[in-house]
Amino acid sequence: MKTTKRFFIYFIMLFLFAIYSCSQSQNTGFSKRVTAGRPVPDGVMDTLMNLYNVPGVSIAVIHNGQIDWVKGYGLREYGKSERVDSTTLFQAASISKPVSAVAALRMVDKGELTLDEDVNLKLQSWKVPENEFTKKQYITLRRLLSHSAGLSMHGVPEFSAGAELPTLVQILDGNWFASTEPVRVITEPGTMFRYSGGGYIVLHVLLEDITKRPFAELAREFVLQPAGMLSSTFEQPLPKQFWSQAAVGHLADKTPLQGLWHILPEQAAGGLWTTPKDLASFMIELWRSYQGLSDKLLPKHLAREMLTRQIDDFGLGLSLPGVGVSRFQHSGGNAGYRCFMVLSIDVPDGIVIMTNSDSGEELIWKVFELIGHSYGWQV
């Protein structure tokens, strides 16, 4: 019996080693086929998409502050014939937040907001309820953008096509037909990082209260147009004229979402539809503002504020990892979509990868590794 058991363990070890060796050999083969300055070969991407169960992917690569190449792969909807290309729209999910943060900073530049005043002074249609945690500190725009406001609700609710949509105030108060917990202050503002999609709902309401304009409209004027994001929109539900360009969201087994994609009335937190090319343009323009080369998006001092750590490794709307090359980044994940963007601050190289699958995250990191290796990046 012991001999049989030892043989079984030995067999399993050999099997696992064989899988590892095959994986390493495949990785080496992929690396040799991916070269800087050229799109990843279709054959490599087809293999990876099959491996990770992802129907469609779109990629934009930035090199020396310019878009080096853009390419789409696979299908907009599994089982159909329409291909992903460079103009295909994906849900950006939480990558919406840094774009929304720039919209807020544009209003700071206009003098209509300040980073450190109590947002309740400007909120009109809803107020942050006071409690024991707000006795010493209040919620500011800086704290909303850096996830240090102490607010609840990590992720925001999504809705199927045709569903009755609550108002933002109803979501904030948890007062709707399929209620979630209300957005409330649950730790003292300014004392710790606590990721909160709910905080960006507050931001959305704040900007609309001040401007008396729909968020999608002011975001288009303040950010999308100046950044050259001409294919993008915050409109929710997605207007019909964009449907033929949109990638359908998929579950991890490639099943399309019911209704093709979900609706997010919380536009500032996760409602952006965009392309990797547009997000690459956004990051480049933000980098140019940071360097003082352009004020098309933000003046230099506000871009610098945005890309300065406010708490832990987070700036205003963007993650600023504390190790390796100085860079800014954000990831996103709505039902049926996974995406990632990053740009180095010191040397303006970066990438945007967007997928239309719940299983897209592993593919993103594999593609990031392959492309980063080809350019000599520290990934």
Protein backbone atom coordinates (compact mmCIF):
# COMPACT_ATOMS: atom_id res chain seq x y z
CA MET A 1 0.00 0.00 0.00
CA LYS A 2 2.84 2.40 0.93
CA THR A 3 4.57 1.63 -2.36
CA THR A 4 1.38 2.41 -4.27
CA LYS A 5 0.95 5.68 -2.37
CA ARG A 6 4.57 6.71 -3.06
CA PHE A 7 4.11 5.90 -6.73
CA PHE A 8 0.91 7.98 -6.85
CA ILE A 9 2.64 10.99 -5.25
CA TYR A 10 5.60 10.58 -7.60
CA PHE A 11 3.23 10.42 -10.60
CA ILE A 12 1.43 13.60 -9.50
CA MET A 13 4.75 15.42 -9.07
CA LEU A 14 5.85 14.35 -12.55
CA PHE A 15 2.50 15.46 -13.98
CA LEU A 16 2.70 18.89 -12.33
CA PHE A 17 6.31 19.31 -13.45
CA ALA A 18 5.32 18.44 -17.01
CA ILE A 19 2.55 21.07 -16.94
CA TYR A 20 4.97 23.66 -15.51
CA SER A 21 7.62 22.82 -18.11
CA CYS A 22 5.06 23.05 -20.91
CA SER A 23 3.86 26.41 -19.57
CA GLN A 24 7.41 27.73 -19.32
CA SER A 25 8.16 26.53 -22.86
CA GLN A 26 4.99 28.19 -24.13
CA ASN A 27 5.88 31.44 -22.32
CA THR A 28 9.32 31.42 -23.90
CA GLY A 29 7.79 30.83 -27.32
CA PHE A 30 5.34 33.68 -26.85
CA SER A 31 8.08 36.07 -25.72
CA LYS A 32 10.08 35.41 -28.85
CA ARG A 33 7.06 36.25 -31.02
CA VAL A 34 6.13 39.52 -29.27
CA THR A 35 8.30 42.45 -30.32
CA ALA A 36 8.32 46.12 -29.37
CA GLY A 37 6.63 48.46 -31.82
CA ARG A 38 4.40 45.80 -33.34
CA PRO A 39 1.00 44.43 -32.29
CA VAL A 40 0.97 41.04 -30.59
CA PRO A 41 0.59 38.41 -33.34
CA ASP A 42 -2.95 37.11 -33.86
CA GLY A 43 -1.84 33.53 -33.23
CA VAL A 44 -0.46 34.39 -29.78
CA MET A 45 -3.60 36.30 -28.79
CA ASP A 46 -5.91 33.57 -30.14
CA THR A 47 -4.09 31.01 -27.99
CA LEU A 48 -4.29 33.19 -24.88
CA MET A 49 -7.95 34.10 -25.39
CA ASN A 50 -8.82 30.41 -25.73
CA LEU A 51 -6.74 29.57 -22.66
CA TYR A 52 -8.43 32.18 -20.48
CA ASN A 53 -11.93 31.97 -22.00
CA VAL A 54 -12.00 35.59 -23.21
CA PRO A 55 -13.98 36.36 -26.41
CA GLY A 56 -12.51 39.79 -27.17
CA VAL A 57 -9.57 42.03 -26.27
CA SER A 58 -8.42 45.50 -27.29
CA ILE A 59 -4.97 46.95 -26.57
CA ALA A 60 -3.24 50.31 -26.89
CA VAL A 61 0.49 50.72 -26.19
CA ILE A 62 2.17 54.03 -25.35
CA HIS A 63 5.87 54.58 -26.04
CA ASN A 64 7.77 57.83 -25.45
CA GLY A 65 4.55 59.75 -24.83
CA GLN A 66 2.90 58.67 -28.09
CA ILE A 67 0.45 55.91 -28.98
CA ASP A 68 2.73 53.28 -30.50
CA TRP A 69 0.08 50.84 -31.68
CA VAL A 70 -3.56 49.90 -31.18
CA LYS A 71 -5.25 46.62 -32.10
CA GLY A 72 -8.40 44.62 -31.36
CA TYR A 73 -8.63 40.83 -31.20
CA GLY A 74 -11.43 38.30 -31.12
CA LEU A 75 -15.18 38.80 -31.05
CA ARG A 76 -17.52 41.47 -29.77
CA GLU A 77 -19.96 38.68 -28.88
CA TYR A 78 -19.08 35.01 -28.56
CA GLY A 79 -20.71 32.92 -31.27
CA LYS A 80 -21.27 35.89 -33.56
CA SER A 81 -19.09 37.17 -36.42
CA GLU A 82 -18.48 40.83 -35.49
CA ARG A 83 -14.81 41.38 -34.65
CA VAL A 84 -13.27 43.62 -32.02
CA ASP A 85 -11.30 46.48 -33.57
CA SER A 86 -9.64 49.66 -32.34
CA THR A 87 -12.98 51.52 -32.24
CA THR A 88 -14.86 48.89 -30.20
CA LEU A 89 -16.30 50.28 -26.97
CA PHE A 90 -15.85 48.51 -23.62
CA GLN A 91 -17.12 49.33 -20.18
CA ALA A 92 -14.25 50.97 -18.30
CA ALA A 93 -15.81 50.14 -14.92
CA SER A 94 -13.73 51.73 -12.13
CA ILE A 95 -11.33 53.31 -14.64
CA SER A 96 -14.23 55.79 -14.86
CA LYS A 97 -13.06 57.19 -11.49
CA PRO A 98 -9.81 58.91 -12.58
CA VAL A 99 -11.64 60.43 -15.56
CA SER A 100 -14.33 61.70 -13.18
CA ALA A 101 -11.61 62.98 -10.83
CA VAL A 102 -10.26 65.18 -13.63
CA ALA A 103 -13.76 66.59 -14.19
CA ALA A 104 -13.86 67.58 -10.51
CA LEU A 105 -10.38 69.12 -10.67
CA ARG A 106 -11.44 71.14 -13.70
CA MET A 107 -14.08 72.67 -11.44
CA VAL A 108 -11.44 73.37 -8.81
CA ASP A 109 -9.48 75.20 -11.50
CA LYS A 110 -12.61 77.22 -12.32
CA GLY A 111 -12.97 78.19 -8.65
CA GLU A 112 -16.32 76.41 -8.24
CA LEU A 113 -14.88 73.84 -5.82
CA THR A 114 -11.94 73.57 -3.46
CA LEU A 115 -10.16 70.41 -2.44
CA ASP A 116 -10.49 70.86 1.30
CA GLU A 117 -13.89 72.39 2.09
CA ASP A 118 -16.81 70.44 3.53
CA VAL A 119 -18.73 69.03 0.54
CA ASN A 120 -21.99 69.45 2.46
CA LEU A 121 -21.61 73.18 1.90
CA LYS A 122 -22.09 72.63 -1.85
CA LEU A 123 -24.32 69.55 -1.91
CA GLN A 124 -27.96 70.48 -2.43
CA SER A 125 -30.06 67.46 -3.45
CA TRP A 126 -28.50 65.26 -0.76
CA LYS A 127 -26.25 65.77 2.27
CA VAL A 128 -23.74 63.43 3.87
CA PRO A 129 -25.48 62.41 7.13
CA GLU A 130 -23.51 63.46 10.20
CA ASN A 131 -22.67 60.91 12.88
CA GLU A 132 -20.02 60.13 15.49
CA PHE A 133 -17.31 59.83 12.79
CA THR A 134 -17.90 63.33 11.39
CA LYS A 135 -17.63 65.17 14.72
CA LYS A 136 -13.91 65.94 14.27
CA GLN A 137 -13.46 65.71 10.51
CA TYR A 138 -15.72 66.35 7.53
CA ILE A 139 -15.78 64.99 4.00
CA THR A 140 -13.86 66.95 1.40
CA LEU A 141 -13.34 66.62 -2.32
CA ARG A 142 -9.74 65.53 -1.68
CA ARG A 143 -10.99 62.71 0.53
CA LEU A 144 -13.67 61.64 -1.93
CA LEU A 145 -11.14 61.39 -4.77
CA SER A 146 -8.52 59.55 -2.68
CA HIS A 147 -10.95 57.10 -1.03
CA SER A 148 -10.14 58.49 2.41
CA ALA A 149 -13.58 59.94 3.20
CA GLY A 150 -14.49 56.96 5.39
CA LEU A 151 -17.55 56.12 3.29
CA SER A 152 -19.16 52.71 2.81
CA MET A 153 -20.13 50.87 -0.42
CA HIS A 154 -17.06 49.42 -2.08
CA GLY A 155 -18.70 48.54 -5.41
CA VAL A 156 -21.81 50.14 -6.86
CA PRO A 157 -24.96 48.26 -7.95
CA GLU A 158 -25.43 47.32 -11.60
CA PHE A 159 -28.75 46.82 -13.38
CA SER A 160 -29.92 44.54 -16.17
CA ALA A 161 -31.26 46.01 -19.39
CA GLY A 162 -34.89 47.01 -18.98
CA ALA A 163 -34.73 47.14 -15.18
CA GLU A 164 -36.28 50.03 -13.29
CA LEU A 165 -33.44 52.37 -12.32
CA PRO A 166 -33.26 54.14 -8.96
CA THR A 167 -32.04 57.73 -8.62
CA LEU A 168 -28.60 58.39 -7.20
CA VAL A 169 -30.14 59.78 -4.02
CA GLN A 170 -32.16 56.58 -3.61
CA ILE A 171 -28.96 54.54 -3.97
CA LEU A 172 -27.12 56.77 -1.48
CA ASP A 173 -29.89 56.30 1.08
CA GLY A 174 -30.49 52.61 0.35
CA ASN A 175 -34.08 53.63 -0.25
CA TRP A 176 -35.19 51.80 -3.38
CA PHE A 177 -37.02 48.70 -4.51
CA ALA A 178 -34.04 46.34 -4.21
CA SER A 179 -32.15 48.28 -1.60
CA THR A 180 -28.47 48.03 -0.77
CA GLU A 181 -26.93 49.38 2.41
CA PRO A 182 -26.96 53.20 2.41
CA VAL A 183 -23.75 55.15 1.81
CA ARG A 184 -22.66 56.40 5.21
CA VAL A 185 -19.49 57.54 6.98
CA ILE A 186 -18.19 54.46 8.82
CA THR A 187 -14.66 55.58 9.75
CA GLU A 188 -13.30 59.01 10.65
CA PRO A 189 -12.66 60.96 7.42
CA GLY A 190 -9.01 61.40 6.51
CA THR A 191 -7.66 58.65 8.76
CA MET A 192 -7.42 55.65 6.43
CA PHE A 193 -7.77 54.42 2.85
CA ARG A 194 -11.11 52.72 2.25
CA TYR A 195 -12.06 52.17 -1.38
CA SER A 196 -15.57 53.49 -1.92
CA GLY A 197 -17.59 53.53 -5.11
CA GLY A 198 -20.20 55.20 -2.93
CA GLY A 199 -17.86 58.16 -2.53
CA TYR A 200 -17.87 58.67 -6.28
CA ILE A 201 -21.67 58.63 -6.27
CA VAL A 202 -21.43 61.54 -3.82
CA LEU A 203 -18.99 63.19 -6.25
CA HIS A 204 -21.44 62.67 -9.13
CA VAL A 205 -24.26 64.34 -7.17
CA LEU A 206 -21.95 67.16 -6.07
CA LEU A 207 -20.89 68.04 -9.62
CA GLU A 208 -24.46 67.96 -10.93
CA ASP A 209 -25.70 70.08 -7.99
CA ILE A 210 -23.10 72.77 -8.68
CA THR A 211 -23.33 72.88 -12.48
CA LYS A 212 -27.05 72.04 -12.86
CA ARG A 213 -25.99 69.85 -15.80
CA PRO A 214 -26.05 66.07 -16.40
CA PHE A 215 -22.77 64.46 -15.44
CA ALA A 216 -22.26 62.86 -18.88
CA GLU A 217 -22.54 66.29 -20.50
CA LEU A 218 -20.12 68.10 -18.20
CA ALA A 219 -17.64 65.19 -18.32
CA ARG A 220 -17.69 65.36 -22.12
CA GLU A 221 -16.91 69.09 -22.05
CA PHE A 222 -14.39 69.06 -19.18
CA VAL A 223 -12.49 65.83 -19.93
CA LEU A 224 -13.44 63.71 -22.93
CA GLN A 225 -13.12 66.42 -25.57
CA PRO A 226 -9.92 68.07 -24.19
CA ALA A 227 -8.29 64.65 -23.79
CA GLY A 228 -9.17 63.59 -27.34
CA MET A 229 -11.50 60.82 -26.11
CA LEU A 230 -13.80 61.31 -29.07
CA SER A 231 -15.25 57.78 -29.11
CA SER A 232 -16.16 57.76 -25.40
CA THR A 233 -19.33 58.49 -23.45
CA PHE A 234 -20.59 58.43 -19.88
CA GLU A 235 -24.21 58.19 -21.04
CA GLN A 236 -26.18 55.46 -19.29
CA PRO A 237 -27.97 53.47 -20.60
CA LEU A 238 -25.71 53.36 -23.64
CA PRO A 239 -27.51 55.20 -26.48
CA LYS A 240 -28.59 52.99 -29.38
CA GLN A 241 -26.30 54.72 -31.87
CA PHE A 242 -23.34 53.16 -30.01
CA TRP A 243 -24.67 49.60 -29.82
CA SER A 244 -23.04 48.48 -33.07
CA GLN A 245 -19.65 49.53 -31.66
CA ALA A 246 -20.03 47.97 -28.20
CA ALA A 247 -18.40 44.78 -26.96
CA VAL A 248 -20.91 42.49 -25.24
CA GLY A 249 -20.09 41.49 -21.66
CA HIS A 250 -19.54 37.78 -20.93
CA LEU A 251 -19.49 35.48 -17.94
CA ALA A 252 -16.36 33.43 -17.28
CA ASP A 253 -17.71 30.57 -19.44
CA LYS A 254 -18.23 32.92 -22.43
CA THR A 255 -21.99 33.17 -21.90
CA PRO A 256 -23.15 36.68 -22.95
CA LEU A 257 -24.74 38.75 -20.22
CA GLN A 258 -28.52 38.87 -20.28
CA GLY A 259 -29.36 42.10 -22.09
CA LEU A 260 -25.75 42.16 -23.46
CA TRP A 261 -24.42 44.52 -20.75
CA HIS A 262 -25.41 46.06 -17.44
CA ILE A 263 -26.48 49.64 -16.81
CA LEU A 264 -24.76 51.85 -14.22
CA PRO A 265 -26.59 55.06 -13.32
CA GLU A 266 -23.57 55.80 -11.07
CA GLN A 267 -21.70 57.21 -14.07
CA ALA A 268 -18.79 58.84 -12.21
CA ALA A 269 -18.03 55.62 -10.35
CA GLY A 270 -18.23 53.13 -13.21
CA GLY A 271 -20.30 54.26 -16.17
CA LEU A 272 -17.71 55.17 -18.82
CA TRP A 273 -17.82 53.42 -22.22
CA THR A 274 -14.51 53.87 -24.01
CA THR A 275 -11.65 52.38 -26.04
CA PRO A 276 -8.02 51.66 -25.12
CA LYS A 277 -6.95 54.32 -27.64
CA ASP A 278 -9.09 56.94 -25.88
CA LEU A 279 -7.78 55.96 -22.44
CA ALA A 280 -4.23 56.09 -23.77
CA SER A 281 -4.93 59.62 -25.02
CA PHE A 282 -6.27 60.51 -21.56
CA MET A 283 -3.14 59.27 -19.80
CA ILE A 284 -0.82 61.00 -22.25
CA GLU A 285 -2.63 64.31 -21.84
CA LEU A 286 -2.56 63.95 -18.04
CA TRP A 287 1.18 63.23 -18.20
CA ARG A 288 1.68 66.31 -20.39
CA SER A 289 -0.21 68.40 -17.83
CA TYR A 290 1.98 66.94 -15.05
CA GLN A 291 5.12 67.93 -16.98
CA GLY A 292 3.80 71.42 -17.72
CA LEU A 293 3.79 70.73 -21.46
CA SER A 294 0.06 71.40 -21.85
CA ASP A 295 -2.83 72.76 -19.82
CA LYS A 296 -5.46 71.33 -22.13
CA LEU A 297 -6.64 68.92 -19.44
CA LEU A 298 -5.35 70.41 -16.17
CA PRO A 299 -2.93 73.11 -15.09
CA LYS A 300 0.40 71.72 -13.90
CA HIS A 301 -0.21 72.29 -10.18
CA LEU A 302 -3.48 70.32 -10.21
CA ALA A 303 -2.02 67.49 -12.30
CA ARG A 304 0.83 67.31 -9.78
CA GLU A 305 -1.70 67.24 -6.93
CA MET A 306 -3.56 64.41 -8.66
CA LEU A 307 -0.37 62.36 -9.02
CA THR A 308 0.81 62.94 -5.44
CA ARG A 309 0.12 60.30 -2.79
CA GLN A 310 -2.68 61.49 -0.54
CA ILE A 311 -3.03 58.38 1.61
CA ASP A 312 -1.20 55.07 1.32
CA ASP A 313 -0.37 54.66 -2.40
CA PHE A 314 -3.37 56.50 -3.77
CA GLY A 315 -3.51 59.96 -5.35
CA LEU A 316 -6.61 61.80 -6.52
CA GLY A 317 -8.46 59.15 -8.51
CA LEU A 318 -5.40 57.08 -9.38
CA SER A 319 -3.27 54.39 -7.79
CA LEU A 320 0.41 55.32 -7.41
CA PRO A 321 2.29 52.09 -6.63
CA GLY A 322 5.07 52.57 -4.13
CA VAL A 323 7.63 50.18 -5.61
CA GLY A 324 9.55 50.08 -8.86
CA VAL A 325 9.12 52.62 -11.61
CA SER A 326 7.08 55.70 -10.72
CA ARG A 327 3.74 55.24 -12.47
CA PHE A 328 0.02 55.87 -12.23
CA GLN A 329 -2.61 53.25 -12.91
CA HIS A 330 -6.14 51.95 -12.35
CA SER A 331 -8.02 48.74 -13.00
CA GLY A 332 -11.71 48.12 -13.59
CA GLY A 333 -14.23 45.33 -13.35
CA ASN A 334 -17.94 45.48 -14.11
CA ALA A 335 -19.98 42.35 -14.76
CA GLY A 336 -18.70 40.99 -18.07
CA TYR A 337 -15.68 43.32 -18.38
CA ARG A 338 -12.15 43.55 -16.99
CA CYS A 339 -9.62 46.28 -17.89
CA PHE A 340 -6.37 47.91 -16.82
CA MET A 341 -4.33 51.01 -17.66
CA VAL A 342 -0.90 52.19 -16.54
CA LEU A 343 1.62 54.86 -17.56
CA SER A 344 5.13 55.49 -16.27
CA ILE A 345 5.67 59.05 -15.04
CA ASP A 346 9.44 59.13 -15.48
CA VAL A 347 9.47 57.66 -18.99
CA PRO A 348 6.03 57.93 -20.63
CA ASP A 349 5.55 54.30 -21.61
CA GLY A 350 2.37 52.42 -20.78
CA ILE A 351 -0.52 50.24 -21.84
CA VAL A 352 -4.30 49.91 -21.80
CA ILE A 353 -5.94 46.48 -22.05
CA MET A 354 -9.72 45.98 -22.14
CA THR A 355 -11.58 42.65 -22.26
CA ASN A 356 -15.23 41.62 -22.49
CA SER A 357 -15.17 38.76 -19.98
CA ASP A 358 -15.32 38.10 -16.24
CA SER A 359 -12.26 35.91 -16.80
CA GLY A 360 -10.24 38.71 -18.39
CA GLU A 361 -7.99 39.53 -15.45
CA GLU A 362 -5.53 36.66 -15.89
CA LEU A 363 -5.29 37.42 -19.60
CA ILE A 364 -4.58 41.09 -18.86
CA TRP A 365 -1.61 40.30 -16.63
CA LYS A 366 -0.22 37.77 -19.12
CA VAL A 367 -0.46 40.24 -22.02
CA PHE A 368 1.00 43.02 -19.86
CA GLU A 369 3.94 40.76 -19.01
CA LEU A 370 4.60 39.80 -22.64
CA ILE A 371 4.37 43.34 -24.02
CA GLY A 372 6.29 44.80 -21.08
CA HIS A 373 9.09 42.30 -21.61
CA SER A 374 9.32 43.23 -25.30
CA TYR A 375 9.79 46.92 -24.41
CA GLY A 376 12.11 46.24 -21.48
CA TRP A 377 9.65 47.58 -18.89
CA GLN A 378 9.81 46.76 -15.20
CA VAL A 379 6.47 44.95 -14.80
